[in-house]
Amino acid sequence: MRLRSLVSRVLTFVDGNRFGVAGNPATFQLAEQASDVADGCGWRVEFEQVVFVGASVWDGEGVVPSEVRVSHSPLIGAAHEDKYVEVTDGFPGI
């Protein structure tokens, strides 16, 4: 019961908080008891926040990309095109 109370307090703190950064307030996404914890005393709490980190590179001209693909150095450039992973929902484990 104490753990659920703590989770509730964390959610109350996080939801709508800007955490002192420029951007949208955090929005609560999910809270669930973790099934991978042996004694069942773990919770997973997710939130989402858009943070503005600089001027937009999109000026409204040109072609807007329809997919985003990433890789890591030194596996970058046209010679390593097959090593890139498409970003669909979150950052891929590359």
PDB file of N, CA and C in Angstrom:
ATOM      1  N   MET A   1       0.826  -1.199   0.000  1.00  0.00           N
ATOM      2  CA  MET A   1       0.000   0.000   0.000  1.00  0.00           C
ATOM      3  C   MET A   1       0.865   1.256   0.000  1.00  0.00           C
ATOM      4  N   ARG A   2       1.993   1.232   0.707  1.00  0.00           N
ATOM      5  CA  ARG A   2       2.879   2.394   0.760  1.00  0.00           C
ATOM      6  C   ARG A   2       3.491   2.657  -0.620  1.00  0.00           C
ATOM      7  N   LEU A   3       3.789   1.575  -1.345  1.00  0.00           N
ATOM      8  CA  LEU A   3       4.374   1.720  -2.666  1.00  0.00           C
ATOM      9  C   LEU A   3       3.380   2.370  -3.628  1.00  0.00           C
ATOM     10  N   ARG A   4       2.123   1.951  -3.564  1.00  0.00           N
ATOM     11  CA  ARG A   4       1.096   2.574  -4.413  1.00  0.00           C
ATOM     12  C   ARG A   4       0.935   4.050  -4.086  1.00  0.00           C
ATOM     13  N   SER A   5       1.039   4.394  -2.831  1.00  0.00           N
ATOM     14  CA  SER A   5       0.959   5.787  -2.423  1.00  0.00           C
ATOM     15  C   SER A   5       2.132   6.574  -2.995  1.00  0.00           C
ATOM     16  N   LEU A   6       3.320   5.987  -2.984  1.00  0.00           N
ATOM     17  CA  LEU A   6       4.496   6.631  -3.554  1.00  0.00           C
ATOM     18  C   LEU A   6       4.325   6.830  -5.053  1.00  0.00           C
ATOM     19  N   VAL A   7       3.837   5.798  -5.749  1.00  0.00           N
ATOM     20  CA  VAL A   7       3.596   5.902  -7.191  1.00  0.00           C
ATOM     21  C   VAL A   7       2.610   7.026  -7.468  1.00  0.00           C
ATOM     22  N   SER A   8       1.567   7.124  -6.692  1.00  0.00           N
ATOM     23  CA  SER A   8       0.573   8.176  -6.866  1.00  0.00           C
ATOM     24  C   SER A   8       1.196   9.557  -6.686  1.00  0.00           C
ATOM     25  N   ARG A   9       2.080   9.692  -5.710  1.00  0.00           N
ATOM     26  CA  ARG A   9       2.732  10.982  -5.469  1.00  0.00           C
ATOM     27  C   ARG A   9       3.686  11.333  -6.609  1.00  0.00           C
ATOM     28  N   VAL A  10       4.387  10.337  -7.141  1.00  0.00           N
ATOM     29  CA  VAL A  10       5.280  10.573  -8.278  1.00  0.00           C
ATOM     30  C   VAL A  10       4.464  11.039  -9.476  1.00  0.00           C
ATOM     31  N   LEU A  11       3.343  10.374  -9.738  1.00  0.00           N
ATOM     32  CA  LEU A  11       2.495  10.751 -10.871  1.00  0.00           C
ATOM     33  C   LEU A  11       1.956  12.161 -10.712  1.00  0.00           C
ATOM     34  N   THR A  12       1.563  12.511  -9.530  1.00  0.00           N
ATOM     35  CA  THR A  12       1.051  13.856  -9.267  1.00  0.00           C
ATOM     36  C   THR A  12       2.136  14.896  -9.517  1.00  0.00           C
ATOM     37  N   PHE A  13       3.371  14.575  -9.131  1.00  0.00           N
ATOM     38  CA  PHE A  13       4.498  15.488  -9.339  1.00  0.00           C
ATOM     39  C   PHE A  13       4.838  15.617 -10.819  1.00  0.00           C
ATOM     40  N   VAL A  14       4.870  14.503 -11.545  1.00  0.00           N
ATOM     41  CA  VAL A  14       5.316  14.485 -12.935  1.00  0.00           C
ATOM     42  C   VAL A  14       4.283  15.095 -13.884  1.00  0.00           C
ATOM     43  N   ASP A  15       3.031  14.686 -13.772  1.00  0.00           N
ATOM     44  CA  ASP A  15       2.013  15.101 -14.738  1.00  0.00           C
ATOM     45  C   ASP A  15       1.832  16.614 -14.723  1.00  0.00           C
ATOM     46  N   GLY A  16       2.099  17.241 -15.868  1.00  0.00           N
ATOM     47  CA  GLY A  16       1.943  18.679 -15.994  1.00  0.00           C
ATOM     48  C   GLY A  16       3.176  19.480 -15.623  1.00  0.00           C
ATOM     49  N   ASN A  17       4.220  18.820 -15.125  1.00  0.00           N
ATOM     50  CA  ASN A  17       5.439  19.509 -14.718  1.00  0.00           C
ATOM     51  C   ASN A  17       6.314  19.804 -15.932  1.00  0.00           C
ATOM     52  N   ARG A  18       6.938  20.948 -15.947  1.00  0.00           N
ATOM     53  CA  ARG A  18       7.859  21.312 -17.032  1.00  0.00           C
ATOM     54  C   ARG A  18       9.312  21.063 -16.633  1.00  0.00           C
ATOM     55  N   PHE A  19       9.582  20.794 -15.398  1.00  0.00           N
ATOM     56  CA  PHE A  19      10.922  20.496 -14.886  1.00  0.00           C
ATOM     57  C   PHE A  19      11.937  21.581 -15.217  1.00  0.00           C
ATOM     58  N   GLY A  20      11.476  22.815 -15.340  1.00  0.00           N
ATOM     59  CA  GLY A  20      12.367  23.937 -15.568  1.00  0.00           C
ATOM     60  C   GLY A  20      12.953  24.044 -16.962  1.00  0.00           C
ATOM     61  N   VAL A  21      12.418  23.313 -17.925  1.00  0.00           N
ATOM     62  CA  VAL A  21      12.940  23.382 -19.292  1.00  0.00           C
ATOM     63  C   VAL A  21      11.883  23.958 -20.228  1.00  0.00           C
ATOM     64  N   ALA A  22      12.350  24.515 -21.356  1.00  0.00           N
ATOM     65  CA  ALA A  22      11.432  25.043 -22.361  1.00  0.00           C
ATOM     66  C   ALA A  22      10.797  23.876 -23.099  1.00  0.00           C
ATOM     67  N   GLY A  23       9.507  23.850 -23.138  1.00  0.00           N
ATOM     68  CA  GLY A  23       8.811  22.772 -23.830  1.00  0.00           C
ATOM     69  C   GLY A  23       7.431  22.558 -23.265  1.00  0.00           C
ATOM     70  N   ASN A  24       6.819  21.496 -23.695  1.00  0.00           N
ATOM     71  CA  ASN A  24       5.482  21.158 -23.218  1.00  0.00           C
ATOM     72  C   ASN A  24       5.574  20.517 -21.840  1.00  0.00           C
ATOM     73  N   PRO A  25       4.515  20.612 -21.056  1.00  0.00           N
ATOM     74  CA  PRO A  25       4.528  19.929 -19.771  1.00  0.00           C
ATOM     75  C   PRO A  25       4.506  18.411 -19.964  1.00  0.00           C
ATOM     76  N   ALA A  26       5.057  17.698 -19.014  1.00  0.00           N
ATOM     77  CA  ALA A  26       5.063  16.235 -19.053  1.00  0.00           C
ATOM     78  C   ALA A  26       3.631  15.727 -18.965  1.00  0.00           C
ATOM     79  N   THR A  27       3.370  14.637 -19.661  1.00  0.00           N
ATOM     80  CA  THR A  27       2.046  14.017 -19.601  1.00  0.00           C
ATOM     81  C   THR A  27       2.195  12.565 -19.191  1.00  0.00           C
ATOM     82  N   PHE A  28       1.386  12.172 -18.248  1.00  0.00           N
ATOM     83  CA  PHE A  28       1.379  10.805 -17.756  1.00  0.00           C
ATOM     84  C   PHE A  28       0.969   9.853 -18.872  1.00  0.00           C
ATOM     85  N   GLN A  29       1.662   8.733 -19.013  1.00  0.00           N
ATOM     86  CA  GLN A  29       1.356   7.744 -20.035  1.00  0.00           C
ATOM     87  C   GLN A  29       0.895   6.417 -19.435  1.00  0.00           C
ATOM     88  N   LEU A  30       1.594   5.939 -18.403  1.00  0.00           N
ATOM     89  CA  LEU A  30       1.333   4.587 -17.914  1.00  0.00           C
ATOM     90  C   LEU A  30       1.878   4.404 -16.515  1.00  0.00           C
ATOM     91  N   ALA A  31       1.168   3.666 -15.715  1.00  0.00           N
ATOM     92  CA  ALA A  31       1.674   3.200 -14.422  1.00  0.00           C
ATOM     93  C   ALA A  31       1.143   1.785 -14.248  1.00  0.00           C
ATOM     94  N   GLU A  32       2.062   0.861 -14.048  1.00  0.00           N
ATOM     95  CA  GLU A  32       1.642  -0.531 -13.866  1.00  0.00           C
ATOM     96  C   GLU A  32       2.615  -1.258 -12.959  1.00  0.00           C
ATOM     97  N   GLN A  33       2.100  -2.254 -12.308  1.00  0.00           N
ATOM     98  CA  GLN A  33       2.952  -3.072 -11.468  1.00  0.00           C
ATOM     99  C   GLN A  33       3.867  -3.888 -12.369  1.00  0.00           C
ATOM    100  N   ALA A  34       5.156  -3.892 -12.072  1.00  0.00           N
ATOM    101  CA  ALA A  34       6.132  -4.596 -12.902  1.00  0.00           C
ATOM    102  C   ALA A  34       5.990  -6.103 -12.712  1.00  0.00           C
ATOM    103  N   SER A  35       5.831  -6.808 -13.823  1.00  0.00           N
ATOM    104  CA  SER A  35       5.666  -8.263 -13.750  1.00  0.00           C
ATOM    105  C   SER A  35       6.999  -8.982 -13.672  1.00  0.00           C
ATOM    106  N   ASP A  36       8.102  -8.294 -13.980  1.00  0.00           N
ATOM    107  CA  ASP A  36       9.403  -8.952 -13.989  1.00  0.00           C
ATOM    108  C   ASP A  36      10.147  -8.853 -12.655  1.00  0.00           C
ATOM    109  N   VAL A  37       9.475  -8.344 -11.622  1.00  0.00           N
ATOM    110  CA  VAL A  37      10.085  -8.238 -10.301  1.00  0.00           C
ATOM    111  C   VAL A  37       9.596  -9.414  -9.466  1.00  0.00           C
ATOM    112  N   ALA A  38      10.533 -10.135  -8.884  1.00  0.00           N
ATOM    113  CA  ALA A  38      10.228 -11.391  -8.186  1.00  0.00           C
ATOM    114  C   ALA A  38       9.175 -11.240  -7.075  1.00  0.00           C
ATOM    115  N   ASP A  39       9.302 -10.223  -6.238  1.00  0.00           N
ATOM    116  CA  ASP A  39       8.357 -10.105  -5.120  1.00  0.00           C
ATOM    117  C   ASP A  39       7.169  -9.193  -5.431  1.00  0.00           C
ATOM    118  N   GLY A  40       7.090  -8.694  -6.664  1.00  0.00           N
ATOM    119  CA  GLY A  40       5.950  -7.873  -7.075  1.00  0.00           C
ATOM    120  C   GLY A  40       5.953  -6.474  -6.508  1.00  0.00           C
ATOM    121  N   CYS A  41       7.095  -5.999  -6.029  1.00  0.00           N
ATOM    122  CA  CYS A  41       7.167  -4.680  -5.409  1.00  0.00           C
ATOM    123  C   CYS A  41       7.784  -3.632  -6.328  1.00  0.00           C
ATOM    124  N   GLY A  42       7.660  -3.829  -7.613  1.00  0.00           N
ATOM    125  CA  GLY A  42       8.192  -2.851  -8.551  1.00  0.00           C
ATOM    126  C   GLY A  42       7.079  -2.262  -9.392  1.00  0.00           C
ATOM    127  N   TRP A  43       7.234  -1.007  -9.760  1.00  0.00           N
ATOM    128  CA  TRP A  43       6.249  -0.342 -10.605  1.00  0.00           C
ATOM    129  C   TRP A  43       6.962   0.323 -11.770  1.00  0.00           C
ATOM    130  N   ARG A  44       6.300   0.357 -12.882  1.00  0.00           N
ATOM    131  CA  ARG A  44       6.785   1.025 -14.086  1.00  0.00           C
ATOM    132  C   ARG A  44       5.923   2.266 -14.277  1.00  0.00           C
ATOM    133  N   VAL A  45       6.569   3.418 -14.370  1.00  0.00           N
ATOM    134  CA  VAL A  45       5.867   4.684 -14.560  1.00  0.00           C
ATOM    135  C   VAL A  45       6.445   5.346 -15.810  1.00  0.00           C
ATOM    136  N   GLU A  46       5.585   5.692 -16.756  1.00  0.00           N
ATOM    137  CA  GLU A  46       6.035   6.338 -17.978  1.00  0.00           C
ATOM    138  C   GLU A  46       5.356   7.694 -18.132  1.00  0.00           C
ATOM    139  N   PHE A  47       6.142   8.648 -18.641  1.00  0.00           N
ATOM    140  CA  PHE A  47       5.576   9.937 -18.999  1.00  0.00           C
ATOM    141  C   PHE A  47       6.280  10.406 -20.261  1.00  0.00           C
ATOM    142  N   GLU A  48       5.694  11.375 -20.920  1.00  0.00           N
ATOM    143  CA  GLU A  48       6.236  11.918 -22.157  1.00  0.00           C
ATOM    144  C   GLU A  48       6.317  13.423 -22.025  1.00  0.00           C
ATOM    145  N   GLN A  49       7.420  13.985 -22.575  1.00  0.00           N
ATOM    146  CA  GLN A  49       7.573  15.431 -22.549  1.00  0.00           C
ATOM    147  C   GLN A  49       8.327  15.877 -23.795  1.00  0.00           C
ATOM    148  N   VAL A  50       7.771  16.843 -24.500  1.00  0.00           N
ATOM    149  CA  VAL A  50       8.440  17.446 -25.651  1.00  0.00           C
ATOM    150  C   VAL A  50       9.280  18.602 -25.119  1.00  0.00           C
ATOM    151  N   VAL A  51      10.576  18.580 -25.443  1.00  0.00           N
ATOM    152  CA  VAL A  51      11.497  19.611 -24.982  1.00  0.00           C
ATOM    153  C   VAL A  51      12.083  20.318 -26.201  1.00  0.00           C
ATOM    154  N   PHE A  52      12.073  21.637 -26.174  1.00  0.00           N
ATOM    155  CA  PHE A  52      12.620  22.417 -27.277  1.00  0.00           C
ATOM    156  C   PHE A  52      14.100  22.648 -27.027  1.00  0.00           C
ATOM    157  N   VAL A  53      14.939  22.172 -27.957  1.00  0.00           N
ATOM    158  CA  VAL A  53      16.383  22.251 -27.758  1.00  0.00           C
ATOM    159  C   VAL A  53      17.075  23.223 -28.706  1.00  0.00           C
ATOM    160  N   GLY A  54      16.337  23.924 -29.517  1.00  0.00           N
ATOM    161  CA  GLY A  54      16.943  24.899 -30.419  1.00  0.00           C
ATOM    162  C   GLY A  54      15.980  25.305 -31.510  1.00  0.00           C
ATOM    163  N   ALA A  55      16.479  26.106 -32.411  1.00  0.00           N
ATOM    164  CA  ALA A  55      15.661  26.574 -33.524  1.00  0.00           C
ATOM    165  C   ALA A  55      15.309  25.414 -34.443  1.00  0.00           C
ATOM    166  N   SER A  56      14.132  25.463 -35.016  1.00  0.00           N
ATOM    167  CA  SER A  56      13.687  24.418 -35.928  1.00  0.00           C
ATOM    168  C   SER A  56      14.489  24.461 -37.227  1.00  0.00           C
ATOM    169  N   VAL A  57      14.834  23.293 -37.735  1.00  0.00           N
ATOM    170  CA  VAL A  57      15.538  23.220 -39.018  1.00  0.00           C
ATOM    171  C   VAL A  57      14.545  23.155 -40.168  1.00  0.00           C
ATOM    172  N   TRP A  58      13.251  23.042 -39.869  1.00  0.00           N
ATOM    173  CA  TRP A  58      12.232  22.944 -40.909  1.00  0.00           C
ATOM    174  C   TRP A  58      11.714  24.333 -41.222  1.00  0.00           C
ATOM    175  N   ASP A  59      12.017  24.812 -42.404  1.00  0.00           N
ATOM    176  CA  ASP A  59      11.600  26.153 -42.790  1.00  0.00           C
ATOM    177  C   ASP A  59      10.353  26.142 -43.672  1.00  0.00           C
ATOM    178  N   GLY A  60       9.761  24.972 -43.871  1.00  0.00           N
ATOM    179  CA  GLY A  60       8.553  24.878 -44.676  1.00  0.00           C
ATOM    180  C   GLY A  60       8.830  24.687 -46.150  1.00  0.00           C
ATOM    181  N   GLU A  61      10.090  24.664 -46.527  1.00  0.00           N
ATOM    182  CA  GLU A  61      10.451  24.457 -47.924  1.00  0.00           C
ATOM    183  C   GLU A  61      11.133  23.107 -48.068  1.00  0.00           C
ATOM    184  N   GLY A  62      11.106  22.583 -49.278  1.00  0.00           N
ATOM    185  CA  GLY A  62      11.783  21.312 -49.529  1.00  0.00           C
ATOM    186  C   GLY A  62      10.902  20.119 -49.197  1.00  0.00           C
ATOM    187  N   VAL A  63      11.524  18.970 -49.105  1.00  0.00           N
ATOM    188  CA  VAL A  63      10.819  17.719 -48.879  1.00  0.00           C
ATOM    189  C   VAL A  63      10.908  17.334 -47.405  1.00  0.00           C
ATOM    190  N   VAL A  64       9.766  17.070 -46.806  1.00  0.00           N
ATOM    191  CA  VAL A  64       9.739  16.597 -45.428  1.00  0.00           C
ATOM    192  C   VAL A  64       9.967  15.086 -45.453  1.00  0.00           C
ATOM    193  N   PRO A  65      10.914  14.574 -44.660  1.00  0.00           N
ATOM    194  CA  PRO A  65      11.203  13.143 -44.692  1.00  0.00           C
ATOM    195  C   PRO A  65      10.004  12.302 -44.254  1.00  0.00           C
ATOM    196  N   SER A  66       9.831  11.150 -44.894  1.00  0.00           N
ATOM    197  CA  SER A  66       8.746  10.248 -44.530  1.00  0.00           C
ATOM    198  C   SER A  66       9.223   9.149 -43.592  1.00  0.00           C
ATOM    199  N   GLU A  67      10.525   8.965 -43.487  1.00  0.00           N
ATOM    200  CA  GLU A  67      11.069   7.998 -42.535  1.00  0.00           C
ATOM    201  C   GLU A  67      12.397   8.525 -42.007  1.00  0.00           C
ATOM    202  N   VAL A  68      12.734   8.093 -40.803  1.00  0.00           N
ATOM    203  CA  VAL A  68      13.989   8.489 -40.172  1.00  0.00           C
ATOM    204  C   VAL A  68      14.769   7.212 -39.883  1.00  0.00           C
ATOM    205  N   ARG A  69      16.032   7.206 -40.280  1.00  0.00           N
ATOM    206  CA  ARG A  69      16.893   6.045 -40.072  1.00  0.00           C
ATOM    207  C   ARG A  69      18.160   6.502 -39.364  1.00  0.00           C
ATOM    208  N   VAL A  70      18.680   5.666 -38.463  1.00  0.00           N
ATOM    209  CA  VAL A  70      19.887   6.013 -37.707  1.00  0.00           C
ATOM    210  C   VAL A  70      20.890   4.872 -37.735  1.00  0.00           C
ATOM    211  N   SER A  71      22.126   5.242 -37.498  1.00  0.00           N
ATOM    212  CA  SER A  71      23.211   4.286 -37.307  1.00  0.00           C
ATOM    213  C   SER A  71      24.202   4.946 -36.359  1.00  0.00           C
ATOM    214  N   HIS A  72      25.346   4.364 -36.182  1.00  0.00           N
ATOM    215  CA  HIS A  72      26.340   4.953 -35.302  1.00  0.00           C
ATOM    216  C   HIS A  72      27.712   4.857 -35.945  1.00  0.00           C
ATOM    217  N   SER A  73      28.578   5.760 -35.562  1.00  0.00           N
ATOM    218  CA  SER A  73      29.923   5.816 -36.113  1.00  0.00           C
ATOM    219  C   SER A  73      30.697   4.574 -35.683  1.00  0.00           C
ATOM    220  N   PRO A  74      31.420   3.950 -36.556  1.00  0.00           N
ATOM    221  CA  PRO A  74      31.838   4.366 -37.881  1.00  0.00           C
ATOM    222  C   PRO A  74      30.925   3.831 -38.995  1.00  0.00           C
ATOM    223  N   LEU A  75      29.792   3.210 -38.651  1.00  0.00           N
ATOM    224  CA  LEU A  75      28.902   2.600 -39.651  1.00  0.00           C
ATOM    225  C   LEU A  75      27.921   3.628 -40.198  1.00  0.00           C
ATOM    226  N   ILE A  76      28.448   4.693 -40.788  1.00  0.00           N
ATOM    227  CA  ILE A  76      27.606   5.762 -41.318  1.00  0.00           C
ATOM    228  C   ILE A  76      27.985   6.059 -42.761  1.00  0.00           C
ATOM    229  N   GLY A  77      27.074   6.715 -43.471  1.00  0.00           N
ATOM    230  CA  GLY A  77      27.325   7.081 -44.856  1.00  0.00           C
ATOM    231  C   GLY A  77      26.749   6.069 -45.828  1.00  0.00           C
ATOM    232  N   ALA A  78      26.812   6.423 -47.098  1.00  0.00           N
ATOM    233  CA  ALA A  78      26.212   5.605 -48.153  1.00  0.00           C
ATOM    234  C   ALA A  78      26.767   4.181 -48.188  1.00  0.00           C
ATOM    235  N   ALA A  79      28.032   4.002 -47.872  1.00  0.00           N
ATOM    236  CA  ALA A  79      28.642   2.665 -47.913  1.00  0.00           C
ATOM    237  C   ALA A  79      28.057   1.732 -46.853  1.00  0.00           C
ATOM    238  N   HIS A  80      27.410   2.290 -45.837  1.00  0.00           N
ATOM    239  CA  HIS A  80      26.854   1.485 -44.740  1.00  0.00           C
ATOM    240  C   HIS A  80      25.334   1.603 -44.656  1.00  0.00           C
ATOM    241  N   GLU A  81      24.697   1.926 -45.765  1.00  0.00           N
ATOM    242  CA  GLU A  81      23.255   2.142 -45.790  1.00  0.00           C
ATOM    243  C   GLU A  81      22.477   0.959 -45.210  1.00  0.00           C
ATOM    244  N   ASP A  82      22.970  -0.249 -45.418  1.00  0.00           N
ATOM    245  CA  ASP A  82      22.285  -1.450 -44.916  1.00  0.00           C
ATOM    246  C   ASP A  82      22.370  -1.592 -43.397  1.00  0.00           C
ATOM    247  N   LYS A  83      23.205  -0.814 -42.729  1.00  0.00           N
ATOM    248  CA  LYS A  83      23.361  -0.890 -41.275  1.00  0.00           C
ATOM    249  C   LYS A  83      22.397   0.031 -40.533  1.00  0.00           C
ATOM    250  N   TYR A  84      21.743   0.932 -41.262  1.00  0.00           N
ATOM    251  CA  TYR A  84      20.828   1.878 -40.626  1.00  0.00           C
ATOM    252  C   TYR A  84      19.543   1.182 -40.180  1.00  0.00           C
ATOM    253  N   VAL A  85      18.970   1.679 -39.066  1.00  0.00           N
ATOM    254  CA  VAL A  85      17.746   1.130 -38.496  1.00  0.00           C
ATOM    255  C   VAL A  85      16.674   2.225 -38.522  1.00  0.00           C
ATOM    256  N   GLU A  86      15.468   1.878 -38.957  1.00  0.00           N
ATOM    257  CA  GLU A  86      14.389   2.866 -39.016  1.00  0.00           C
ATOM    258  C   GLU A  86      13.856   3.173 -37.626  1.00  0.00           C
ATOM    259  N   VAL A  87      13.668   4.458 -37.358  1.00  0.00           N
ATOM    260  CA  VAL A  87      13.091   4.909 -36.107  1.00  0.00           C
ATOM    261  C   VAL A  87      11.584   4.991 -36.312  1.00  0.00           C
ATOM    262  N   THR A  88      10.819   4.198 -35.565  1.00  0.00           N
ATOM    263  CA  THR A  88       9.366   4.216 -35.725  1.00  0.00           C
ATOM    264  C   THR A  88       8.679   4.693 -34.448  1.00  0.00           C
ATOM    265  N   ASP A  89       9.040   4.148 -33.309  1.00  0.00           N
ATOM    266  CA  ASP A  89       8.416   4.517 -32.051  1.00  0.00           C
ATOM    267  C   ASP A  89       9.469   4.449 -30.960  1.00  0.00           C
ATOM    268  N   GLY A  90      10.161   5.525 -30.754  1.00  0.00           N
ATOM    269  CA  GLY A  90      11.239   5.537 -29.783  1.00  0.00           C
ATOM    270  C   GLY A  90      12.564   5.258 -30.443  1.00  0.00           C
ATOM    271  N   PHE A  91      13.625   5.330 -29.695  1.00  0.00           N
ATOM    272  CA  PHE A  91      14.952   5.141 -30.252  1.00  0.00           C
ATOM    273  C   PHE A  91      15.311   3.667 -30.292  1.00  0.00           C
ATOM    274  N   PRO A  92      15.715   3.168 -31.469  1.00  0.00           N
ATOM    275  CA  PRO A  92      16.022   1.733 -31.597  1.00  0.00           C
ATOM    276  C   PRO A  92      17.316   1.376 -30.889  1.00  0.00           C
ATOM    277  N   GLY A  93      17.429   0.140 -30.461  1.00  0.00           N
ATOM    278  CA  GLY A  93      18.669  -0.338 -29.856  1.00  0.00           C
ATOM    279  C   GLY A  93      19.664  -0.683 -30.934  1.00  0.00           C
ATOM    280  N   ILE A  94      20.560   0.254 -31.227  1.00  0.00           N
ATOM    281  CA  ILE A  94      21.554  -0.008 -32.277  1.00  0.00           C
ATOM    282  C   ILE A  94      22.919  -0.248 -31.664  1.00  0.00           C
TER     283      ILE A  94
END
